[in-house]
Amino acid sequence: MITYVIIGFLLLETVNVLALYFAPDSKLANSVGVFKAWEKSKQNPEQHNLVKYLVNWVAGTKLIFILLLVVILISADDQSLVLTGAALVISILSFFWRLFPLIRKMDQEDQIDPKNYSIVLGWMILAFVLIFVVAILLSIYG
């Protein structure tokens, strides 16, 4: 079970990386087109270069993460996959520590389009955490 959940997560993250690298203006696949500041940064080349650098940095970091998960899927035993699932839960939950408060604030200040995107994103990420927790429990006890 945990293997399938990790594969699903890998597919979603891969789509996000492709969007960040090749379609950052998009409002789909968690790309940066939802941030009004993305468009505004284009008016100042120095700021836009910094923003593009950071977007590509995130994409590159996610790519490393994806490829490491592929290696783990190929080579790990069941216990390691459960531990990988637990590590993913912890790392995904970090979204609620720094990123969610910030995107929620930007959403409330009308800096995000579509409106209430932060709420949808928060629920989506929480759903992923819960799916991972269920998969971990089923892998241990099921």
C-alpha atoms as a PDB file:
ATOM      1  CA  MET A   1       0.000   0.000   0.000  1.00  0.00           C
ATOM      2  CA  ILE A   2       2.711   2.479   0.961  1.00  0.00           C
ATOM      3  CA  THR A   3       4.446   1.873  -2.367  1.00  0.00           C
ATOM      4  CA  TYR A   4       1.364   2.982  -4.306  1.00  0.00           C
ATOM      5  CA  VAL A   5       0.931   6.099  -2.196  1.00  0.00           C
ATOM      6  CA  ILE A   6       4.592   7.027  -2.709  1.00  0.00           C
ATOM      7  CA  ILE A   7       4.203   6.484  -6.459  1.00  0.00           C
ATOM      8  CA  GLY A   8       1.116   8.739  -6.479  1.00  0.00           C
ATOM      9  CA  PHE A   9       3.049  11.391  -4.576  1.00  0.00           C
ATOM     10  CA  LEU A  10       5.957  11.058  -7.019  1.00  0.00           C
ATOM     11  CA  LEU A  11       3.646  11.584  -9.985  1.00  0.00           C
ATOM     12  CA  LEU A  12       2.125  14.737  -8.475  1.00  0.00           C
ATOM     13  CA  GLU A  13       5.529  16.130  -7.547  1.00  0.00           C
ATOM     14  CA  THR A  14       6.859  15.357 -11.034  1.00  0.00           C
ATOM     15  CA  VAL A  15       3.995  17.315 -12.594  1.00  0.00           C
ATOM     16  CA  ASN A  16       4.782  20.188 -10.210  1.00  0.00           C
ATOM     17  CA  VAL A  17       8.476  20.153 -11.168  1.00  0.00           C
ATOM     18  CA  LEU A  18       7.599  20.180 -14.861  1.00  0.00           C
ATOM     19  CA  ALA A  19       5.232  23.121 -14.284  1.00  0.00           C
ATOM     20  CA  LEU A  20       7.849  25.051 -12.307  1.00  0.00           C
ATOM     21  CA  TYR A  21      10.537  24.497 -14.943  1.00  0.00           C
ATOM     22  CA  PHE A  22       8.499  24.827 -18.118  1.00  0.00           C
ATOM     23  CA  ALA A  23       5.256  26.655 -17.240  1.00  0.00           C
ATOM     24  CA  PRO A  24       5.853  28.825 -14.165  1.00  0.00           C
ATOM     25  CA  ASP A  25       3.112  31.247 -15.287  1.00  0.00           C
ATOM     26  CA  SER A  26       0.568  28.441 -14.960  1.00  0.00           C
ATOM     27  CA  LYS A  27      -2.023  28.387 -12.216  1.00  0.00           C
ATOM     28  CA  LEU A  28      -2.155  24.605 -12.484  1.00  0.00           C
ATOM     29  CA  ALA A  29       0.013  21.955 -10.837  1.00  0.00           C
ATOM     30  CA  ASN A  30       0.933  24.247  -7.954  1.00  0.00           C
ATOM     31  CA  SER A  31       2.956  26.534 -10.183  1.00  0.00           C
ATOM     32  CA  VAL A  32       3.661  30.154  -9.283  1.00  0.00           C
ATOM     33  CA  GLY A  33       1.120  31.769 -11.609  1.00  0.00           C
ATOM     34  CA  VAL A  34      -1.307  31.901  -8.671  1.00  0.00           C
ATOM     35  CA  PHE A  35       0.851  34.567  -7.017  1.00  0.00           C
ATOM     36  CA  LYS A  36       0.076  38.050  -8.299  1.00  0.00           C
ATOM     37  CA  ALA A  37       3.617  39.061  -7.294  1.00  0.00           C
ATOM     38  CA  TRP A  38       4.969  36.673  -9.958  1.00  0.00           C
ATOM     39  CA  GLU A  39       3.489  38.858 -12.694  1.00  0.00           C
ATOM     40  CA  LYS A  40       4.462  42.075 -10.904  1.00  0.00           C
ATOM     41  CA  SER A  41       8.066  40.905 -10.556  1.00  0.00           C
ATOM     42  CA  LYS A  42       8.342  40.884 -14.354  1.00  0.00           C
ATOM     43  CA  GLN A  43       8.263  44.697 -14.271  1.00  0.00           C
ATOM     44  CA  ASN A  44      11.590  44.686 -12.422  1.00  0.00           C
ATOM     45  CA  PRO A  45      14.123  42.413 -14.163  1.00  0.00           C
ATOM     46  CA  GLU A  46      16.382  42.246 -11.099  1.00  0.00           C
ATOM     47  CA  GLN A  47      13.525  41.090  -8.853  1.00  0.00           C
ATOM     48  CA  HIS A  48      12.150  38.748 -11.502  1.00  0.00           C
ATOM     49  CA  ASN A  49      15.546  37.097 -11.934  1.00  0.00           C
ATOM     50  CA  LEU A  50      15.676  36.489  -8.181  1.00  0.00           C
ATOM     51  CA  VAL A  51      12.146  35.071  -8.177  1.00  0.00           C
ATOM     52  CA  LYS A  52      12.926  32.847 -11.181  1.00  0.00           C
ATOM     53  CA  TYR A  53      16.105  31.681  -9.453  1.00  0.00           C
ATOM     54  CA  LEU A  54      14.134  30.730  -6.332  1.00  0.00           C
ATOM     55  CA  VAL A  55      11.428  28.978  -8.367  1.00  0.00           C
ATOM     56  CA  ASN A  56      14.075  26.946 -10.191  1.00  0.00           C
ATOM     57  CA  TRP A  57      15.819  26.231  -6.893  1.00  0.00           C
ATOM     58  CA  VAL A  58      12.568  24.790  -5.522  1.00  0.00           C
ATOM     59  CA  ALA A  59      12.090  22.749  -8.692  1.00  0.00           C
ATOM     60  CA  GLY A  60      15.656  21.427  -8.485  1.00  0.00           C
ATOM     61  CA  THR A  61      15.249  20.509  -4.828  1.00  0.00           C
ATOM     62  CA  LYS A  62      12.019  18.706  -5.618  1.00  0.00           C
ATOM     63  CA  LEU A  63      13.764  16.861  -8.448  1.00  0.00           C
ATOM     64  CA  ILE A  64      16.438  15.613  -6.039  1.00  0.00           C
ATOM     65  CA  PHE A  65      13.690  14.520  -3.664  1.00  0.00           C
ATOM     66  CA  ILE A  66      11.821  12.709  -6.461  1.00  0.00           C
ATOM     67  CA  LEU A  67      14.888  10.853  -7.672  1.00  0.00           C
ATOM     68  CA  LEU A  68      15.845   9.793  -4.147  1.00  0.00           C
ATOM     69  CA  LEU A  69      12.317   8.434  -3.656  1.00  0.00           C
ATOM     70  CA  VAL A  70      12.627   6.478  -6.906  1.00  0.00           C
ATOM     71  CA  VAL A  71      15.871   4.916  -5.644  1.00  0.00           C
ATOM     72  CA  ILE A  72      14.197   4.086  -2.330  1.00  0.00           C
ATOM     73  CA  LEU A  73      11.231   2.499  -4.118  1.00  0.00           C
ATOM     74  CA  ILE A  74      13.547   0.357  -6.206  1.00  0.00           C
ATOM     75  CA  SER A  75      15.845  -0.780  -3.423  1.00  0.00           C
ATOM     76  CA  ALA A  76      14.020  -0.578  -0.082  1.00  0.00           C
ATOM     77  CA  ASP A  77      12.482  -3.376   1.922  1.00  0.00           C
ATOM     78  CA  ASP A  78       9.029  -3.061   3.505  1.00  0.00           C
ATOM     79  CA  GLN A  79      10.335  -1.619   6.780  1.00  0.00           C
ATOM     80  CA  SER A  80      12.343   1.045   4.942  1.00  0.00           C
ATOM     81  CA  LEU A  81       9.278   1.975   2.890  1.00  0.00           C
ATOM     82  CA  VAL A  82       7.261   2.472   6.086  1.00  0.00           C
ATOM     83  CA  LEU A  83      10.047   4.656   7.494  1.00  0.00           C
ATOM     84  CA  THR A  84      10.133   6.561   4.200  1.00  0.00           C
ATOM     85  CA  GLY A  85       6.388   7.132   4.505  1.00  0.00           C
ATOM     86  CA  ALA A  86       6.868   8.462   8.044  1.00  0.00           C
ATOM     87  CA  ALA A  87       9.651  10.770   6.847  1.00  0.00           C
ATOM     88  CA  LEU A  88       7.360  12.040   4.086  1.00  0.00           C
ATOM     89  CA  VAL A  89       4.589  12.747   6.612  1.00  0.00           C
ATOM     90  CA  ILE A  90       6.957  14.810   8.745  1.00  0.00           C
ATOM     91  CA  SER A  91       8.407  16.684   5.778  1.00  0.00           C
ATOM     92  CA  ILE A  92       4.987  17.380   4.242  1.00  0.00           C
ATOM     93  CA  LEU A  93       3.634  18.596   7.589  1.00  0.00           C
ATOM     94  CA  SER A  94       6.352  21.269   7.611  1.00  0.00           C
ATOM     95  CA  PHE A  95       4.141  23.075   5.065  1.00  0.00           C
ATOM     96  CA  PHE A  96       1.830  24.049   7.930  1.00  0.00           C
ATOM     97  CA  TRP A  97       4.678  25.561   9.953  1.00  0.00           C
ATOM     98  CA  ARG A  98       5.914  28.266   7.569  1.00  0.00           C
ATOM     99  CA  LEU A  99       4.324  28.069   4.133  1.00  0.00           C
ATOM    100  CA  PHE A 100       0.643  27.795   5.016  1.00  0.00           C
ATOM    101  CA  PRO A 101       0.581  30.852   7.319  1.00  0.00           C
ATOM    102  CA  LEU A 102       2.346  32.864   4.617  1.00  0.00           C
ATOM    103  CA  ILE A 103       0.160  31.788   1.705  1.00  0.00           C
ATOM    104  CA  ARG A 104      -2.952  32.202   3.865  1.00  0.00           C
ATOM    105  CA  LYS A 105      -1.891  35.779   4.682  1.00  0.00           C
ATOM    106  CA  MET A 106      -1.236  36.508   0.985  1.00  0.00           C
ATOM    107  CA  ASP A 107      -4.625  35.020   0.110  1.00  0.00           C
ATOM    108  CA  GLN A 108      -6.377  37.203   2.708  1.00  0.00           C
ATOM    109  CA  GLU A 109      -4.539  40.256   1.328  1.00  0.00           C
ATOM    110  CA  ASP A 110      -5.743  39.461  -2.233  1.00  0.00           C
ATOM    111  CA  GLN A 111      -2.273  38.519  -3.480  1.00  0.00           C
ATOM    112  CA  ILE A 112      -3.372  35.092  -4.740  1.00  0.00           C
ATOM    113  CA  ASP A 113      -5.565  34.250  -7.719  1.00  0.00           C
ATOM    114  CA  PRO A 114      -7.864  32.345  -7.483  1.00  0.00           C
ATOM    115  CA  LYS A 115      -9.197  33.534  -4.150  1.00  0.00           C
ATOM    116  CA  ASN A 116      -9.067  30.966  -1.320  1.00  0.00           C
ATOM    117  CA  TYR A 117      -6.368  28.984  -3.118  1.00  0.00           C
ATOM    118  CA  SER A 118      -4.555  28.661   0.219  1.00  0.00           C
ATOM    119  CA  ILE A 119      -7.509  26.819   1.745  1.00  0.00           C
ATOM    120  CA  VAL A 120      -7.713  24.374  -1.159  1.00  0.00           C
ATOM    121  CA  LEU A 121      -3.955  23.824  -1.019  1.00  0.00           C
ATOM    122  CA  GLY A 122      -4.055  23.309   2.745  1.00  0.00           C
ATOM    123  CA  TRP A 123      -6.800  20.690   2.479  1.00  0.00           C
ATOM    124  CA  MET A 124      -4.993  18.959  -0.380  1.00  0.00           C
ATOM    125  CA  ILE A 125      -1.771  18.727   1.617  1.00  0.00           C
ATOM    126  CA  LEU A 126      -3.613  17.573   4.727  1.00  0.00           C
ATOM    127  CA  ALA A 127      -5.320  14.882   2.626  1.00  0.00           C
ATOM    128  CA  PHE A 128      -1.929  13.675   1.430  1.00  0.00           C
ATOM    129  CA  VAL A 129      -0.672  13.470   4.997  1.00  0.00           C
ATOM    130  CA  LEU A 130      -3.740  11.478   6.034  1.00  0.00           C
ATOM    131  CA  ILE A 131      -3.393   9.147   3.045  1.00  0.00           C
ATOM    132  CA  PHE A 132       0.237   8.521   3.991  1.00  0.00           C
ATOM    133  CA  VAL A 133      -0.712   7.865   7.633  1.00  0.00           C
ATOM    134  CA  VAL A 134      -3.401   5.367   6.582  1.00  0.00           C
ATOM    135  CA  ALA A 135      -0.968   3.666   4.179  1.00  0.00           C
ATOM    136  CA  ILE A 136       1.655   3.433   6.930  1.00  0.00           C
ATOM    137  CA  LEU A 137      -0.831   1.956   9.377  1.00  0.00           C
ATOM    138  CA  LEU A 138      -2.104  -0.536   6.790  1.00  0.00           C
ATOM    139  CA  SER A 139       1.474  -1.512   5.955  1.00  0.00           C
ATOM    140  CA  ILE A 140       2.239  -2.118   9.628  1.00  0.00           C
ATOM    141  CA  TYR A 141      -1.029  -3.668  10.824  1.00  0.00           C
ATOM    142  CA  GLY A 142      -2.845  -4.696   7.671  1.00  0.00           C
END
